[in-house]
PDB file of N, CA and C in Angstrom:
ATOM      1  N   MET A   1     -10.179 -17.652  -0.522  1.00  0.00           N
ATOM      2  CA  MET A   1     -11.206 -17.003  -0.740  1.00  0.00           C
ATOM      3  C   MET A   1     -10.828 -15.512  -0.710  1.00  0.00           C
ATOM      4  N   ASP A   2     -12.253 -14.850  -1.402  1.00  0.00           N
ATOM      5  CA  ASP A   2     -12.140 -13.612  -1.720  1.00  0.00           C
ATOM      6  C   ASP A   2     -12.355 -12.614  -0.781  1.00  0.00           C
ATOM      7  N   ASN A   3     -12.657 -13.282   0.539  1.00  0.00           N
ATOM      8  CA  ASN A   3     -12.464 -11.928   1.519  1.00  0.00           C
ATOM      9  C   ASN A   3     -11.327 -11.659   2.210  1.00  0.00           C
ATOM     10  N   GLU A   4     -10.436 -12.847   1.672  1.00  0.00           N
ATOM     11  CA  GLU A   4      -9.240 -12.452   2.616  1.00  0.00           C
ATOM     12  C   GLU A   4      -8.044 -11.287   2.068  1.00  0.00           C
ATOM     13  N   ILE A   5      -7.582 -10.751   2.876  1.00  0.00           N
ATOM     14  CA  ILE A   5      -6.382  -9.598   2.010  1.00  0.00           C
ATOM     15  C   ILE A   5      -5.005  -9.839   2.127  1.00  0.00           C
ATOM     16  N   LYS A   6      -4.307  -9.307   1.131  1.00  0.00           N
ATOM     17  CA  LYS A   6      -3.240  -9.623   0.972  1.00  0.00           C
ATOM     18  C   LYS A   6      -2.073  -8.297   0.262  1.00  0.00           C
ATOM     19  N   LYS A   7      -1.370  -8.469   1.104  1.00  0.00           N
ATOM     20  CA  LYS A   7      -0.286  -7.312   1.158  1.00  0.00           C
ATOM     21  C   LYS A   7       0.694  -7.042   0.084  1.00  0.00           C
ATOM     22  N   ILE A   8       0.347  -6.059  -0.616  1.00  0.00           N
ATOM     23  CA  ILE A   8       1.183  -5.586  -1.918  1.00  0.00           C
ATOM     24  C   ILE A   8       2.376  -4.193  -1.511  1.00  0.00           C
ATOM     25  N   TYR A   9       2.273  -3.844  -0.723  1.00  0.00           N
ATOM     26  CA  TYR A   9       3.467  -2.862  -0.648  1.00  0.00           C
ATOM     27  C   TYR A   9       3.886  -2.928   0.727  1.00  0.00           C
ATOM     28  N   SER A  10       4.918  -2.679   0.908  1.00  0.00           N
ATOM     29  CA  SER A  10       5.238  -1.742   2.417  1.00  0.00           C
ATOM     30  C   SER A  10       6.641  -0.532   2.437  1.00  0.00           C
ATOM     31  N   GLY A  11       6.335   0.146   2.612  1.00  0.00           N
ATOM     32  CA  GLY A  11       7.623   1.290   2.860  1.00  0.00           C
ATOM     33  C   GLY A  11       7.070   2.378   3.219  1.00  0.00           C
ATOM     34  N   SER A  12       7.039   3.655   2.612  1.00  0.00           N
ATOM     35  CA  SER A  12       6.659   4.736   3.536  1.00  0.00           C
ATOM     36  C   SER A  12       5.107   5.128   3.058  1.00  0.00           C
ATOM     37  N   VAL A  13       4.841   6.264   4.174  1.00  0.00           N
ATOM     38  CA  VAL A  13       3.112   6.455   3.765  1.00  0.00           C
ATOM     39  C   VAL A  13       2.985   7.203   2.811  1.00  0.00           C
ATOM     40  N   VAL A  14       3.910   8.025   2.430  1.00  0.00           N
ATOM     41  CA  VAL A  14       3.746   9.002   1.170  1.00  0.00           C
ATOM     42  C   VAL A  14       3.509   7.774  -0.476  1.00  0.00           C
ATOM     43  N   ASN A  15       4.421   6.814  -0.549  1.00  0.00           N
ATOM     44  CA  ASN A  15       4.011   6.050  -1.380  1.00  0.00           C
ATOM     45  C   ASN A  15       2.934   4.986  -1.084  1.00  0.00           C
ATOM     46  N   ALA A  16       2.632   4.975   0.200  1.00  0.00           N
ATOM     47  CA  ALA A  16       1.297   4.074   0.188  1.00  0.00           C
ATOM     48  C   ALA A  16       0.003   4.677   0.025  1.00  0.00           C
ATOM     49  N   GLU A  17       0.273   5.980   0.112  1.00  0.00           N
ATOM     50  CA  GLU A  17      -1.381   6.988  -0.051  1.00  0.00           C
ATOM     51  C   GLU A  17      -1.388   7.017  -1.882  1.00  0.00           C
ATOM     52  N   TYR A  18       0.182   7.224  -2.598  1.00  0.00           N
ATOM     53  CA  TYR A  18       0.194   7.218  -3.595  1.00  0.00           C
ATOM     54  C   TYR A  18      -0.717   6.348  -4.743  1.00  0.00           C
ATOM     55  N   ILE A  19      -0.160   4.756  -3.862  1.00  0.00           N
ATOM     56  CA  ILE A  19      -0.344   3.764  -4.313  1.00  0.00           C
ATOM     57  C   ILE A  19      -1.997   3.481  -4.461  1.00  0.00           C
ATOM     58  N   GLY A  20      -2.297   3.627  -3.331  1.00  0.00           N
ATOM     59  CA  GLY A  20      -4.097   3.706  -2.831  1.00  0.00           C
ATOM     60  C   GLY A  20      -4.814   4.851  -3.892  1.00  0.00           C
ATOM     61  N   SER A  21      -4.016   5.828  -4.278  1.00  0.00           N
ATOM     62  CA  SER A  21      -4.930   6.948  -4.998  1.00  0.00           C
ATOM     63  C   SER A  21      -5.455   6.052  -6.498  1.00  0.00           C
ATOM     64  N   VAL A  22      -3.688   5.010  -7.058  1.00  0.00           N
ATOM     65  CA  VAL A  22      -4.217   4.781  -7.907  1.00  0.00           C
ATOM     66  C   VAL A  22      -4.986   3.330  -8.126  1.00  0.00           C
ATOM     67  N   LEU A  23      -4.506   2.318  -6.778  1.00  0.00           N
ATOM     68  CA  LEU A  23      -6.079   2.079  -6.805  1.00  0.00           C
ATOM     69  C   LEU A  23      -7.021   2.278  -6.996  1.00  0.00           C
ATOM     70  N   ALA A  24      -7.888   3.266  -5.972  1.00  0.00           N
ATOM     71  CA  ALA A  24      -9.093   3.870  -5.672  1.00  0.00           C
ATOM     72  C   ALA A  24      -9.559   4.293  -7.429  1.00  0.00           C
ATOM     73  N   ASP A  25      -8.602   4.859  -8.190  1.00  0.00           N
ATOM     74  CA  ASP A  25      -9.012   5.286  -9.493  1.00  0.00           C
ATOM     75  C   ASP A  25      -9.145   4.026 -10.648  1.00  0.00           C
ATOM     76  N   ASN A  26      -8.735   2.887 -10.037  1.00  0.00           N
ATOM     77  CA  ASN A  26      -8.940   1.750 -10.897  1.00  0.00           C
ATOM     78  C   ASN A  26     -10.325   0.886 -10.268  1.00  0.00           C
ATOM     79  N   ASP A  27     -10.772   1.521  -9.059  1.00  0.00           N
ATOM     80  CA  ASP A  27     -11.725   0.384  -8.754  1.00  0.00           C
ATOM     81  C   ASP A  27     -11.409  -0.985  -7.536  1.00  0.00           C
ATOM     82  N   ILE A  28     -10.296  -0.325  -6.938  1.00  0.00           N
ATOM     83  CA  ILE A  28      -9.922  -1.341  -6.529  1.00  0.00           C
ATOM     84  C   ILE A  28      -9.862  -1.361  -4.922  1.00  0.00           C
ATOM     85  N   GLN A  29     -10.489  -1.646  -4.097  1.00  0.00           N
ATOM     86  CA  GLN A  29     -10.592  -1.276  -2.767  1.00  0.00           C
ATOM     87  C   GLN A  29      -9.318  -1.505  -2.397  1.00  0.00           C
ATOM     88  N   TYR A  30      -9.009  -0.844  -1.373  1.00  0.00           N
ATOM     89  CA  TYR A  30      -7.594  -1.056  -0.417  1.00  0.00           C
ATOM     90  C   TYR A  30      -7.485  -0.958   1.064  1.00  0.00           C
ATOM     91  N   LEU A  31      -6.832  -0.975   1.553  1.00  0.00           N
ATOM     92  CA  LEU A  31      -6.708  -0.497   3.078  1.00  0.00           C
ATOM     93  C   LEU A  31      -4.819  -0.360   3.527  1.00  0.00           C
ATOM     94  N   ILE A  32      -4.626   0.943   3.703  1.00  0.00           N
ATOM     95  CA  ILE A  32      -3.666   1.576   4.325  1.00  0.00           C
ATOM     96  C   ILE A  32      -3.462   0.976   5.813  1.00  0.00           C
ATOM     97  N   ARG A  33      -2.512   0.723   6.370  1.00  0.00           N
ATOM     98  CA  ARG A  33      -2.162   0.406   7.733  1.00  0.00           C
ATOM     99  C   ARG A  33      -0.791   1.139   7.579  1.00  0.00           C
ATOM    100  N   ASN A  34      -1.099   2.512   8.617  1.00  0.00           N
ATOM    101  CA  ASN A  34      -0.301   3.399   9.127  1.00  0.00           C
ATOM    102  C   ASN A  34       0.970   3.053   9.977  1.00  0.00           C
ATOM    103  N   PHE A  35       1.523   2.078  10.603  1.00  0.00           N
ATOM    104  CA  PHE A  35       1.932   1.846  11.522  1.00  0.00           C
ATOM    105  C   PHE A  35       2.679   3.120  12.490  1.00  0.00           C
ATOM    106  N   ARG A  36       3.146   4.073  11.924  1.00  0.00           N
ATOM    107  CA  ARG A  36       3.628   5.166  12.856  1.00  0.00           C
ATOM    108  C   ARG A  36       2.210   5.993  13.257  1.00  0.00           C
ATOM    109  N   GLN A  37       1.370   6.140  12.673  1.00  0.00           N
ATOM    110  CA  GLN A  37       0.250   6.430  13.243  1.00  0.00           C
ATOM    111  C   GLN A  37      -0.521   5.604  14.417  1.00  0.00           C
ATOM    112  N   GLU A  38      -0.501   4.118  13.998  1.00  0.00           N
ATOM    113  CA  GLU A  38      -0.823   3.354  15.360  1.00  0.00           C
ATOM    114  C   GLU A  38      -0.451   3.745  16.269  1.00  0.00           C
ATOM    115  N   GLY A  39       1.058   3.816  16.224  1.00  0.00           N
ATOM    116  CA  GLY A  39       1.681   3.981  17.580  1.00  0.00           C
ATOM    117  C   GLY A  39       1.483   5.186  17.957  1.00  0.00           C
ATOM    118  N   LEU A  40       1.429   6.333  17.286  1.00  0.00           N
ATOM    119  CA  LEU A  40       0.546   7.547  18.270  1.00  0.00           C
ATOM    120  C   LEU A  40      -0.380   7.457  18.687  1.00  0.00           C
ATOM    121  N   VAL A  41      -1.221   6.913  18.567  1.00  0.00           N
ATOM    122  CA  VAL A  41      -2.475   6.985  18.914  1.00  0.00           C
ATOM    123  C   VAL A  41      -2.380   5.844  20.346  1.00  0.00           C
ATOM    124  N   ALA A  42      -1.446   5.183  19.904  1.00  0.00           N
ATOM    125  CA  ALA A  42      -1.364   4.084  21.052  1.00  0.00           C
ATOM    126  C   ALA A  42      -0.407   4.613  22.230  1.00  0.00           C
ATOM    127  N   GLY A  43      -0.203   5.646  22.066  1.00  0.00           N
ATOM    128  CA  GLY A  43       0.912   6.414  22.961  1.00  0.00           C
ATOM    129  C   GLY A  43       2.209   6.499  23.011  1.00  0.00           C
ATOM    130  N   TRP A  44       2.985   5.579  21.823  1.00  0.00           N
ATOM    131  CA  TRP A  44       4.454   5.527  21.602  1.00  0.00           C
ATOM    132  C   TRP A  44       4.341   5.901  20.042  1.00  0.00           C
ATOM    133  N   ALA A  45       5.597   6.003  19.606  1.00  0.00           N
ATOM    134  CA  ALA A  45       5.912   6.219  18.567  1.00  0.00           C
ATOM    135  C   ALA A  45       7.195   5.594  18.290  1.00  0.00           C
ATOM    136  N   ALA A  46       7.771   4.872  17.268  1.00  0.00           N
ATOM    137  CA  ALA A  46       8.484   4.323  16.520  1.00  0.00           C
ATOM    138  C   ALA A  46       7.986   3.601  14.894  1.00  0.00           C
ATOM    139  N   GLY A  47       9.141   3.998  14.669  1.00  0.00           N
ATOM    140  CA  GLY A  47       8.995   3.531  13.059  1.00  0.00           C
ATOM    141  C   GLY A  47       9.272   1.731  13.362  1.00  0.00           C
ATOM    142  N   THR A  48       9.264   0.927  11.473  1.00  0.00           N
ATOM    143  CA  THR A  48       9.020  -0.256  11.759  1.00  0.00           C
ATOM    144  C   THR A  48      10.452  -0.626  10.845  1.00  0.00           C
ATOM    145  N   LEU A  49      10.799  -1.298  10.736  1.00  0.00           N
ATOM    146  CA  LEU A  49      11.968  -2.107  10.090  1.00  0.00           C
ATOM    147  C   LEU A  49      11.594  -2.128   8.552  1.00  0.00           C
ATOM    148  N   LYS A  50      10.247  -2.469   8.060  1.00  0.00           N
ATOM    149  CA  LYS A  50      10.189  -2.422   6.680  1.00  0.00           C
ATOM    150  C   LYS A  50       9.476  -1.375   6.400  1.00  0.00           C
ATOM    151  N   GLY A  51       9.115  -0.582   7.218  1.00  0.00           N
ATOM    152  CA  GLY A  51       8.561   0.949   6.314  1.00  0.00           C
ATOM    153  C   GLY A  51       7.774   1.450   7.982  1.00  0.00           C
ATOM    154  N   ASP A  52       6.746   2.247   7.273  1.00  0.00           N
ATOM    155  CA  ASP A  52       6.084   3.109   8.461  1.00  0.00           C
ATOM    156  C   ASP A  52       4.586   2.614   7.614  1.00  0.00           C
ATOM    157  N   ALA A  53       4.304   2.356   6.252  1.00  0.00           N
ATOM    158  CA  ALA A  53       2.741   2.002   6.164  1.00  0.00           C
ATOM    159  C   ALA A  53       3.308   0.363   5.448  1.00  0.00           C
ATOM    160  N   SER A  54       1.769  -0.488   5.147  1.00  0.00           N
ATOM    161  CA  SER A  54       1.655  -1.110   4.538  1.00  0.00           C
ATOM    162  C   SER A  54       0.376  -1.303   3.399  1.00  0.00           C
ATOM    163  N   VAL A  55       0.069  -1.682   2.583  1.00  0.00           N
ATOM    164  CA  VAL A  55      -1.243  -1.410   1.623  1.00  0.00           C
ATOM    165  C   VAL A  55      -1.830  -2.768   1.353  1.00  0.00           C
ATOM    166  N   TYR A  56      -2.778  -2.962   1.614  1.00  0.00           N
ATOM    167  CA  TYR A  56      -3.445  -4.103   1.559  1.00  0.00           C
ATOM    168  C   TYR A  56      -5.010  -4.048   0.463  1.00  0.00           C
ATOM    169  N   VAL A  57      -5.000  -5.129  -0.267  1.00  0.00           N
ATOM    170  CA  VAL A  57      -6.266  -5.581  -1.188  1.00  0.00           C
ATOM    171  C   VAL A  57      -6.853  -6.755  -1.084  1.00  0.00           C
ATOM    172  N   PHE A  58      -8.055  -7.134  -1.511  1.00  0.00           N
ATOM    173  CA  PHE A  58      -8.614  -8.300  -1.552  1.00  0.00           C
ATOM    174  C   PHE A  58      -7.916  -9.127  -2.315  1.00  0.00           C
ATOM    175  N   GLU A  59      -7.928 -10.213  -2.038  1.00  0.00           N
ATOM    176  CA  GLU A  59      -7.137 -11.507  -2.645  1.00  0.00           C
ATOM    177  C   GLU A  59      -7.913 -11.278  -3.902  1.00  0.00           C
ATOM    178  N   LYS A  60      -9.080 -11.305  -4.373  1.00  0.00           N
ATOM    179  CA  LYS A  60      -9.631 -11.127  -5.636  1.00  0.00           C
ATOM    180  C   LYS A  60      -9.192  -9.953  -6.776  1.00  0.00           C
ATOM    181  N   ASP A  61      -8.404  -9.064  -5.916  1.00  0.00           N
ATOM    182  CA  ASP A  61      -7.856  -7.781  -6.743  1.00  0.00           C
ATOM    183  C   ASP A  61      -6.634  -7.829  -6.828  1.00  0.00           C
ATOM    184  N   TYR A  62      -5.931  -8.917  -6.299  1.00  0.00           N
ATOM    185  CA  TYR A  62      -4.408  -8.942  -6.065  1.00  0.00           C
ATOM    186  C   TYR A  62      -3.747  -8.733  -7.469  1.00  0.00           C
ATOM    187  N   ASP A  63      -4.117  -9.717  -8.396  1.00  0.00           N
ATOM    188  CA  ASP A  63      -3.241  -9.466  -9.498  1.00  0.00           C
ATOM    189  C   ASP A  63      -3.510  -8.219 -10.510  1.00  0.00           C
ATOM    190  N   ARG A  64      -4.651  -7.561 -10.308  1.00  0.00           N
ATOM    191  CA  ARG A  64      -4.562  -6.576 -11.117  1.00  0.00           C
ATOM    192  C   ARG A  64      -3.942  -5.658 -10.188  1.00  0.00           C
ATOM    193  N   ALA A  65      -3.928  -5.387  -8.774  1.00  0.00           N
ATOM    194  CA  ALA A  65      -3.286  -4.239  -8.431  1.00  0.00           C
ATOM    195  C   ALA A  65      -1.559  -4.778  -8.454  1.00  0.00           C
ATOM    196  N   MET A  66      -1.030  -5.812  -8.921  1.00  0.00           N
ATOM    197  CA  MET A  66       0.147  -6.169  -8.904  1.00  0.00           C
ATOM    198  C   MET A  66       0.463  -5.326  -9.933  1.00  0.00           C
ATOM    199  N   LEU A  67      -0.768  -5.719 -11.210  1.00  0.00           N
ATOM    200  CA  LEU A  67      -0.029  -5.103 -12.622  1.00  0.00           C
ATOM    201  C   LEU A  67       0.479  -3.507 -12.288  1.00  0.00           C
ATOM    202  N   LEU A  68      -0.898  -3.179 -11.372  1.00  0.00           N
ATOM    203  CA  LEU A  68      -0.610  -1.730 -11.515  1.00  0.00           C
ATOM    204  C   LEU A  68       0.737  -1.107 -10.518  1.00  0.00           C
ATOM    205  N   LEU A  69       1.356  -1.873  -9.808  1.00  0.00           N
ATOM    206  CA  LEU A  69       2.238  -1.458  -9.052  1.00  0.00           C
ATOM    207  C   LEU A  69       3.235  -1.554  -9.855  1.00  0.00           C
ATOM    208  N   ASP A  70       3.246  -2.921 -11.151  1.00  0.00           N
ATOM    209  CA  ASP A  70       4.333  -2.773 -11.941  1.00  0.00           C
ATOM    210  C   ASP A  70       4.143  -1.632 -12.909  1.00  0.00           C
ATOM    211  N   GLU A  71       3.128  -0.991 -13.087  1.00  0.00           N
ATOM    212  CA  GLU A  71       3.218   0.058 -13.904  1.00  0.00           C
ATOM    213  C   GLU A  71       3.892   1.346 -13.429  1.00  0.00           C
ATOM    214  N   ILE A  72       3.133   1.420 -12.089  1.00  0.00           N
ATOM    215  CA  ILE A  72       4.091   2.527 -11.720  1.00  0.00           C
ATOM    216  C   ILE A  72       5.744   2.415 -11.137  1.00  0.00           C
ATOM    217  N   ASN A  73       5.860   0.779 -10.886  1.00  0.00           N
ATOM    218  CA  ASN A  73       7.477   1.067 -10.870  1.00  0.00           C
ATOM    219  C   ASN A  73       8.207   1.564 -12.225  1.00  0.00           C
ATOM    220  N   ALA A  74       7.642   0.961 -13.402  1.00  0.00           N
ATOM    221  CA  ALA A  74       8.137   0.742 -14.827  1.00  0.00           C
ATOM    222  C   ALA A  74       8.069   2.493 -14.824  1.00  0.00           C
ATOM    223  N   ALA A  75       7.082   3.288 -14.419  1.00  0.00           N
ATOM    224  CA  ALA A  75       6.907   4.678 -14.736  1.00  0.00           C
ATOM    225  C   ALA A  75       7.930   5.415 -14.323  1.00  0.00           C
ATOM    226  N   GLU A  76       8.602   5.187 -12.793  1.00  0.00           N
ATOM    227  CA  GLU A  76       9.271   5.919 -11.905  1.00  0.00           C
ATOM    228  C   GLU A  76      10.748   5.266 -12.520  1.00  0.00           C
ATOM    229  N   MET A  77      10.533   4.218 -13.004  1.00  0.00           N
ATOM    230  CA  MET A  77      12.438   4.272 -13.417  1.00  0.00           C
ATOM    231  C   MET A  77      12.666   4.760 -14.821  1.00  0.00           C
ATOM    232  N   GLU A  78      11.684   5.156 -15.654  1.00  0.00           N
ATOM    233  CA  GLU A  78      11.941   5.788 -16.729  1.00  0.00           C
ATOM    234  C   GLU A  78      12.141   7.358 -16.425  1.00  0.00           C
ATOM    235  N   GLY A  79      11.455   7.856 -15.030  1.00  0.00           N
ATOM    236  CA  GLY A  79      11.748   9.442 -14.987  1.00  0.00           C
ATOM    237  C   GLY A  79      13.097   9.349 -14.085  1.00  0.00           C
ATOM    238  N   GLU A  80      13.520   8.149 -14.032  1.00  0.00           N
ATOM    239  CA  GLU A  80      15.223   8.327 -13.729  1.00  0.00           C
ATOM    240  C   GLU A  80      15.936   8.757 -14.316  1.00  0.00           C
TER     241      GLU A  80
END
């Protein structure tokens, strides 16, 4: 189904926000789930083992989103 969502990233909030901006620039709808913020709103604060945020996209956009993530990772590797 095209309406299902798939996780493409789990890690820091800063990286999740950057990935979200790249997705938006490429007309891909996304959702960032910020676990730390959710905890604060619920009245407790704690990180998670896999990171503080996750990025999700619709299944129909998954392949394009993963290609963009590969490009981001390749650019980071060149910058090191």
